[in-house]
């Protein structure tokens, strides 16, 4: 039971980190870098925006075999 609770907490924390990384890359980064929006920022900084938006994707793809439910 302890292992299941620990795994659930780990997956929850991974989703939380991914959500915050996406929030930072899409909403705050354009303001910090002086762009009017995410589209203009992504055209100049493709690699940075891709890396930030993929920050939480490993937890989403590993959740299926671990939890028994598909990632939405």
PDB file of N, CA and C in Angstrom:
ATOM      1  N   UNK A   1       0.824  -1.199   0.000  1.00  0.00           N
ATOM      2  CA  UNK A   1       0.000   0.000   0.000  1.00  0.00           C
ATOM      3  C   UNK A   1       0.869   1.264   0.000  1.00  0.00           C
ATOM      4  N   UNK A   2       1.975   1.221   0.756  1.00  0.00           N
ATOM      5  CA  UNK A   2       2.863   2.373   0.805  1.00  0.00           C
ATOM      6  C   UNK A   2       3.478   2.658  -0.564  1.00  0.00           C
ATOM      7  N   UNK A   3       3.833   1.601  -1.291  1.00  0.00           N
ATOM      8  CA  UNK A   3       4.419   1.789  -2.625  1.00  0.00           C
ATOM      9  C   UNK A   3       3.412   2.422  -3.572  1.00  0.00           C
ATOM     10  N   UNK A   4       2.154   2.037  -3.499  1.00  0.00           N
ATOM     11  CA  UNK A   4       1.122   2.607  -4.367  1.00  0.00           C
ATOM     12  C   UNK A   4       0.905   4.088  -4.052  1.00  0.00           C
ATOM     13  N   UNK A   5       0.885   4.427  -2.771  1.00  0.00           N
ATOM     14  CA  UNK A   5       0.713   5.827  -2.385  1.00  0.00           C
ATOM     15  C   UNK A   5       1.915   6.669  -2.821  1.00  0.00           C
ATOM     16  N   UNK A   6       3.104   6.116  -2.686  1.00  0.00           N
ATOM     17  CA  UNK A   6       4.311   6.819  -3.096  1.00  0.00           C
ATOM     18  C   UNK A   6       4.327   7.033  -4.606  1.00  0.00           C
ATOM     19  N   UNK A   7       3.942   6.017  -5.358  1.00  0.00           N
ATOM     20  CA  UNK A   7       3.893   6.130  -6.812  1.00  0.00           C
ATOM     21  C   UNK A   7       2.855   7.159  -7.245  1.00  0.00           C
ATOM     22  N   UNK A   8       1.704   7.136  -6.602  1.00  0.00           N
ATOM     23  CA  UNK A   8       0.664   8.108  -6.939  1.00  0.00           C
ATOM     24  C   UNK A   8       1.151   9.524  -6.669  1.00  0.00           C
ATOM     25  N   UNK A   9       1.821   9.725  -5.540  1.00  0.00           N
ATOM     26  CA  UNK A   9       2.354  11.049  -5.205  1.00  0.00           C
ATOM     27  C   UNK A   9       3.418  11.482  -6.207  1.00  0.00           C
ATOM     28  N   UNK A  10       4.269  10.559  -6.609  1.00  0.00           N
ATOM     29  CA  UNK A  10       5.309  10.859  -7.589  1.00  0.00           C
ATOM     30  C   UNK A  10       4.699  11.284  -8.924  1.00  0.00           C
ATOM     31  N   UNK A  11       3.698  10.562  -9.381  1.00  0.00           N
ATOM     32  CA  UNK A  11       3.042  10.921 -10.635  1.00  0.00           C
ATOM     33  C   UNK A  11       2.333  12.266 -10.526  1.00  0.00           C
ATOM     34  N   UNK A  12       1.710  12.518  -9.390  1.00  0.00           N
ATOM     35  CA  UNK A  12       1.041  13.801  -9.178  1.00  0.00           C
ATOM     36  C   UNK A  12       2.053  14.950  -9.214  1.00  0.00           C
ATOM     37  N   UNK A  13       3.195  14.775  -8.564  1.00  0.00           N
ATOM     38  CA  UNK A  13       4.232  15.817  -8.573  1.00  0.00           C
ATOM     39  C   UNK A  13       4.779  16.040  -9.986  1.00  0.00           C
ATOM     40  N   UNK A  14       4.920  14.966 -10.756  1.00  0.00           N
ATOM     41  CA  UNK A  14       5.376  15.103 -12.138  1.00  0.00           C
ATOM     42  C   UNK A  14       4.400  15.898 -12.983  1.00  0.00           C
ATOM     43  N   UNK A  15       3.112  15.656 -12.799  1.00  0.00           N
ATOM     44  CA  UNK A  15       2.104  16.417 -13.530  1.00  0.00           C
ATOM     45  C   UNK A  15       2.109  17.877 -13.099  1.00  0.00           C
ATOM     46  N   UNK A  16       2.313  18.117 -11.813  1.00  0.00           N
ATOM     47  CA  UNK A  16       2.359  19.481 -11.284  1.00  0.00           C
ATOM     48  C   UNK A  16       3.534  20.246 -11.890  1.00  0.00           C
ATOM     49  N   UNK A  17       4.688  19.609 -11.959  1.00  0.00           N
ATOM     50  CA  UNK A  17       5.872  20.249 -12.546  1.00  0.00           C
ATOM     51  C   UNK A  17       5.642  20.536 -14.027  1.00  0.00           C
ATOM     52  N   UNK A  18       5.066  19.576 -14.742  1.00  0.00           N
ATOM     53  CA  UNK A  18       4.789  19.786 -16.158  1.00  0.00           C
ATOM     54  C   UNK A  18       3.801  20.909 -16.394  1.00  0.00           C
ATOM     55  N   UNK A  19       2.780  20.993 -15.550  1.00  0.00           N
ATOM     56  CA  UNK A  19       1.792  22.053 -15.675  1.00  0.00           C
ATOM     57  C   UNK A  19       2.414  23.423 -15.444  1.00  0.00           C
ATOM     58  N   UNK A  20       3.261  23.525 -14.447  1.00  0.00           N
ATOM     59  CA  UNK A  20       3.915  24.801 -14.162  1.00  0.00           C
ATOM     60  C   UNK A  20       4.908  25.179 -15.252  1.00  0.00           C
ATOM     61  N   UNK A  21       5.623  24.218 -15.792  1.00  0.00           N
ATOM     62  CA  UNK A  21       6.566  24.514 -16.884  1.00  0.00           C
ATOM     63  C   UNK A  21       5.815  25.034 -18.107  1.00  0.00           C
ATOM     64  N   UNK A  22       4.684  24.429 -18.410  1.00  0.00           N
ATOM     65  CA  UNK A  22       3.875  24.894 -19.539  1.00  0.00           C
ATOM     66  C   UNK A  22       3.339  26.296 -19.273  1.00  0.00           C
ATOM     67  N   UNK A  23       2.894  26.540 -18.065  1.00  0.00           N
ATOM     68  CA  UNK A  23       2.381  27.856 -17.683  1.00  0.00           C
ATOM     69  C   UNK A  23       3.471  28.927 -17.831  1.00  0.00           C
ATOM     70  N   UNK A  24       4.663  28.621 -17.366  1.00  0.00           N
ATOM     71  CA  UNK A  24       5.764  29.582 -17.468  1.00  0.00           C
ATOM     72  C   UNK A  24       6.133  29.836 -18.918  1.00  0.00           C
ATOM     73  N   UNK A  25       6.227  28.755 -19.711  1.00  0.00           N
ATOM     74  CA  UNK A  25       6.684  28.931 -21.094  1.00  0.00           C
ATOM     75  C   UNK A  25       5.654  29.629 -21.965  1.00  0.00           C
ATOM     76  N   UNK A  26       4.384  29.433 -21.706  1.00  0.00           N
ATOM     77  CA  UNK A  26       3.360  30.023 -22.577  1.00  0.00           C
ATOM     78  C   UNK A  26       2.840  31.371 -22.088  1.00  0.00           C
ATOM     79  N   UNK A  27       2.874  31.615 -20.795  1.00  0.00           N
ATOM     80  CA  UNK A  27       2.295  32.856 -20.288  1.00  0.00           C
ATOM     81  C   UNK A  27       3.331  33.864 -19.780  1.00  0.00           C
ATOM     82  N   UNK A  28       4.341  33.412 -19.080  1.00  0.00           N
ATOM     83  CA  UNK A  28       5.289  34.354 -18.487  1.00  0.00           C
ATOM     84  C   UNK A  28       6.507  34.637 -19.353  1.00  0.00           C
ATOM     85  N   UNK A  29       7.019  33.647 -20.041  1.00  0.00           N
ATOM     86  CA  UNK A  29       8.245  33.842 -20.828  1.00  0.00           C
ATOM     87  C   UNK A  29       8.113  34.952 -21.877  1.00  0.00           C
ATOM     88  N   UNK A  30       7.004  35.043 -22.617  1.00  0.00           N
ATOM     89  CA  UNK A  30       6.916  36.156 -23.580  1.00  0.00           C
ATOM     90  C   UNK A  30       7.031  37.527 -22.910  1.00  0.00           C
ATOM     91  N   UNK A  31       6.429  37.681 -21.739  1.00  0.00           N
ATOM     92  CA  UNK A  31       6.524  38.963 -21.037  1.00  0.00           C
ATOM     93  C   UNK A  31       7.958  39.242 -20.579  1.00  0.00           C
ATOM     94  N   UNK A  32       8.612  38.228 -20.037  1.00  0.00           N
ATOM     95  CA  UNK A  32       9.986  38.397 -19.558  1.00  0.00           C
ATOM     96  C   UNK A  32      10.945  38.733 -20.692  1.00  0.00           C
ATOM     97  N   UNK A  33      10.705  38.170 -21.872  1.00  0.00           N
ATOM     98  CA  UNK A  33      11.607  38.382 -23.009  1.00  0.00           C
ATOM     99  C   UNK A  33      11.188  39.553 -23.897  1.00  0.00           C
ATOM    100  N   UNK A  34      10.080  40.214 -23.574  1.00  0.00           N
ATOM    101  CA  UNK A  34       9.661  41.397 -24.316  1.00  0.00           C
ATOM    102  C   UNK A  34       8.876  41.131 -25.580  1.00  0.00           C
ATOM    103  N   UNK A  35       8.196  39.995 -25.673  1.00  0.00           N
ATOM    104  CA  UNK A  35       7.385  39.668 -26.844  1.00  0.00           C
ATOM    105  C   UNK A  35       5.911  39.905 -26.540  1.00  0.00           C
ATOM    106  N   UNK A  36       5.125  40.239 -27.574  1.00  0.00           N
ATOM    107  CA  UNK A  36       3.692  40.448 -27.339  1.00  0.00           C
ATOM    108  C   UNK A  36       2.928  39.148 -27.077  1.00  0.00           C
ATOM    109  N   UNK A  37       3.446  38.023 -27.531  1.00  0.00           N
ATOM    110  CA  UNK A  37       2.757  36.755 -27.328  1.00  0.00           C
ATOM    111  C   UNK A  37       3.674  35.570 -27.538  1.00  0.00           C
ATOM    112  N   UNK A  38       3.122  34.383 -27.296  1.00  0.00           N
ATOM    113  CA  UNK A  38       3.911  33.154 -27.369  1.00  0.00           C
ATOM    114  C   UNK A  38       4.301  32.807 -28.810  1.00  0.00           C
ATOM    115  N   UNK A  39       3.479  33.168 -29.773  1.00  0.00           N
ATOM    116  CA  UNK A  39       3.776  32.841 -31.177  1.00  0.00           C
ATOM    117  C   UNK A  39       5.023  33.581 -31.646  1.00  0.00           C
ATOM    118  N   UNK A  40       5.101  34.859 -31.309  1.00  0.00           N
ATOM    119  CA  UNK A  40       6.274  35.655 -31.702  1.00  0.00           C
ATOM    120  C   UNK A  40       7.538  35.169 -30.987  1.00  0.00           C
ATOM    121  N   UNK A  41       7.399  34.815 -29.718  1.00  0.00           N
ATOM    122  CA  UNK A  41       8.544  34.309 -28.968  1.00  0.00           C
ATOM    123  C   UNK A  41       9.024  32.968 -29.532  1.00  0.00           C
ATOM    124  N   UNK A  42       8.098  32.083 -29.834  1.00  0.00           N
ATOM    125  CA  UNK A  42       8.460  30.753 -30.334  1.00  0.00           C
ATOM    126  C   UNK A  42       9.142  30.820 -31.690  1.00  0.00           C
ATOM    127  N   UNK A  43       8.798  31.810 -32.503  1.00  0.00           N
ATOM    128  CA  UNK A  43       9.447  31.916 -33.810  1.00  0.00           C
ATOM    129  C   UNK A  43      10.922  32.292 -33.682  1.00  0.00           C
ATOM    130  N   UNK A  44      11.273  33.041 -32.641  1.00  0.00           N
ATOM    131  CA  UNK A  44      12.669  33.426 -32.421  1.00  0.00           C
ATOM    132  C   UNK A  44      13.432  32.456 -31.533  1.00  0.00           C
ATOM    133  N   UNK A  45      12.746  31.783 -30.629  1.00  0.00           N
ATOM    134  CA  UNK A  45      13.381  30.894 -29.646  1.00  0.00           C
ATOM    135  C   UNK A  45      12.734  29.511 -29.680  1.00  0.00           C
ATOM    136  N   UNK A  46      12.808  28.829 -30.793  1.00  0.00           N
ATOM    137  CA  UNK A  46      12.144  27.531 -30.953  1.00  0.00           C
ATOM    138  C   UNK A  46      12.639  26.481 -29.968  1.00  0.00           C
ATOM    139  N   UNK A  47      13.931  26.355 -29.814  1.00  0.00           N
ATOM    140  CA  UNK A  47      14.477  25.301 -28.949  1.00  0.00           C
ATOM    141  C   UNK A  47      14.104  25.511 -27.484  1.00  0.00           C
ATOM    142  N   UNK A  48      14.139  26.742 -27.035  1.00  0.00           N
ATOM    143  CA  UNK A  48      13.784  27.020 -25.639  1.00  0.00           C
ATOM    144  C   UNK A  48      12.308  26.727 -25.406  1.00  0.00           C
ATOM    145  N   UNK A  49      11.450  27.164 -26.310  1.00  0.00           N
ATOM    146  CA  UNK A  49      10.020  26.936 -26.115  1.00  0.00           C
ATOM    147  C   UNK A  49       9.675  25.449 -26.203  1.00  0.00           C
ATOM    148  N   UNK A  50      10.338  24.696 -27.064  1.00  0.00           N
ATOM    149  CA  UNK A  50      10.103  23.248 -27.128  1.00  0.00           C
ATOM    150  C   UNK A  50      10.552  22.545 -25.860  1.00  0.00           C
ATOM    151  N   UNK A  51      11.714  22.929 -25.351  1.00  0.00           N
ATOM    152  CA  UNK A  51      12.228  22.291 -24.136  1.00  0.00           C
ATOM    153  C   UNK A  51      11.313  22.564 -22.949  1.00  0.00           C
ATOM    154  N   UNK A  52      10.821  23.781 -22.828  1.00  0.00           N
ATOM    155  CA  UNK A  52       9.934  24.106 -21.709  1.00  0.00           C
ATOM    156  C   UNK A  52       8.586  23.410 -21.831  1.00  0.00           C
ATOM    157  N   UNK A  53       8.055  23.314 -23.037  1.00  0.00           N
ATOM    158  CA  UNK A  53       6.743  22.690 -23.190  1.00  0.00           C
ATOM    159  C   UNK A  53       6.798  21.172 -23.038  1.00  0.00           C
ATOM    160  N   UNK A  54       7.984  20.563 -23.218  1.00  0.00           N
ATOM    161  CA  UNK A  54       8.121  19.110 -23.052  1.00  0.00           C
ATOM    162  C   UNK A  54       8.542  18.706 -21.644  1.00  0.00           C
ATOM    163  N   UNK A  55       8.632  19.634 -20.736  1.00  0.00           N
ATOM    164  CA  UNK A  55       9.167  19.340 -19.406  1.00  0.00           C
ATOM    165  C   UNK A  55       8.363  18.271 -18.670  1.00  0.00           C
ATOM    166  N   UNK A  56       7.056  18.256 -18.825  1.00  0.00           N
ATOM    167  CA  UNK A  56       6.250  17.274 -18.101  1.00  0.00           C
ATOM    168  C   UNK A  56       5.821  16.082 -18.905  1.00  0.00           C
ATOM    169  N   UNK A  57       6.206  15.995 -20.160  1.00  0.00           N
ATOM    170  CA  UNK A  57       5.713  14.899 -21.000  1.00  0.00           C
ATOM    171  C   UNK A  57       6.169  13.504 -20.579  1.00  0.00           C
ATOM    172  N   UNK A  58       7.341  13.295 -19.976  1.00  0.00           N
ATOM    173  CA  UNK A  58       7.680  11.923 -19.565  1.00  0.00           C
ATOM    174  C   UNK A  58       6.714  11.341 -18.548  1.00  0.00           C
ATOM    175  N   UNK A  59       6.188  12.157 -17.648  1.00  0.00           N
ATOM    176  CA  UNK A  59       5.239  11.622 -16.673  1.00  0.00           C
ATOM    177  C   UNK A  59       3.918  11.269 -17.335  1.00  0.00           C
ATOM    178  N   UNK A  60       3.519  12.022 -18.332  1.00  0.00           N
ATOM    179  CA  UNK A  60       2.262  11.722 -19.015  1.00  0.00           C
ATOM    180  C   UNK A  60       2.360  10.421 -19.799  1.00  0.00           C
ATOM    181  N   UNK A  61       3.498  10.140 -20.381  1.00  0.00           N
ATOM    182  CA  UNK A  61       3.630   8.916 -21.172  1.00  0.00           C
ATOM    183  C   UNK A  61       3.886   7.688 -20.313  1.00  0.00           C
ATOM    184  N   UNK A  62       4.465   7.853 -19.132  1.00  0.00           N
ATOM    185  CA  UNK A  62       4.712   6.692 -18.277  1.00  0.00           C
ATOM    186  C   UNK A  62       3.528   6.377 -17.381  1.00  0.00           C
ATOM    187  N   UNK A  63       2.576   7.267 -17.300  1.00  0.00           N
ATOM    188  CA  UNK A  63       1.427   7.034 -16.428  1.00  0.00           C
ATOM    189  C   UNK A  63       0.591   5.856 -16.895  1.00  0.00           C
ATOM    190  N   UNK A  64       0.473   5.622 -18.194  1.00  0.00           N
ATOM    191  CA  UNK A  64      -0.360   4.543 -18.708  1.00  0.00           C
ATOM    192  C   UNK A  64       0.060   3.171 -18.197  1.00  0.00           C
ATOM    193  N   UNK A  65       1.323   2.735 -18.350  1.00  0.00           N
ATOM    194  CA  UNK A  65       1.655   1.400 -17.870  1.00  0.00           C
ATOM    195  C   UNK A  65       1.667   1.304 -16.349  1.00  0.00           C
ATOM    196  N   UNK A  66       1.859   2.405 -15.658  1.00  0.00           N
ATOM    197  CA  UNK A  66       1.942   2.349 -14.192  1.00  0.00           C
ATOM    198  C   UNK A  66       0.578   2.391 -13.527  1.00  0.00           C
ATOM    199  N   UNK A  67      -0.336   3.203 -14.039  1.00  0.00           N
ATOM    200  CA  UNK A  67      -1.615   3.369 -13.379  1.00  0.00           C
ATOM    201  C   UNK A  67      -2.704   2.478 -13.968  1.00  0.00           C
ATOM    202  N   UNK A  68      -2.499   1.969 -15.178  1.00  0.00           N
ATOM    203  CA  UNK A  68      -3.526   1.159 -15.814  1.00  0.00           C
ATOM    204  C   UNK A  68      -4.582   1.953 -16.531  1.00  0.00           C
ATOM    205  N   UNK A  69      -4.420   3.285 -16.572  1.00  0.00           N
ATOM    206  CA  UNK A  69      -5.362   4.148 -17.278  1.00  0.00           C
ATOM    207  C   UNK A  69      -4.623   4.938 -18.337  1.00  0.00           C
ATOM    208  N   UNK A  70      -5.269   5.212 -19.481  1.00  0.00           N
ATOM    209  CA  UNK A  70      -4.585   5.980 -20.526  1.00  0.00           C
ATOM    210  C   UNK A  70      -4.426   7.441 -20.126  1.00  0.00           C
ATOM    211  N   UNK A  71      -3.329   8.048 -20.562  1.00  0.00           N
ATOM    212  CA  UNK A  71      -3.106   9.473 -20.337  1.00  0.00           C
ATOM    213  C   UNK A  71      -4.023  10.244 -21.264  1.00  0.00           C
ATOM    214  N   UNK A  72      -4.713  11.216 -20.729  1.00  0.00           N
ATOM    215  CA  UNK A  72      -5.656  12.005 -21.528  1.00  0.00           C
ATOM    216  C   UNK A  72      -4.963  13.134 -22.223  1.00  0.00           C
TER     217      UNK A  72
END
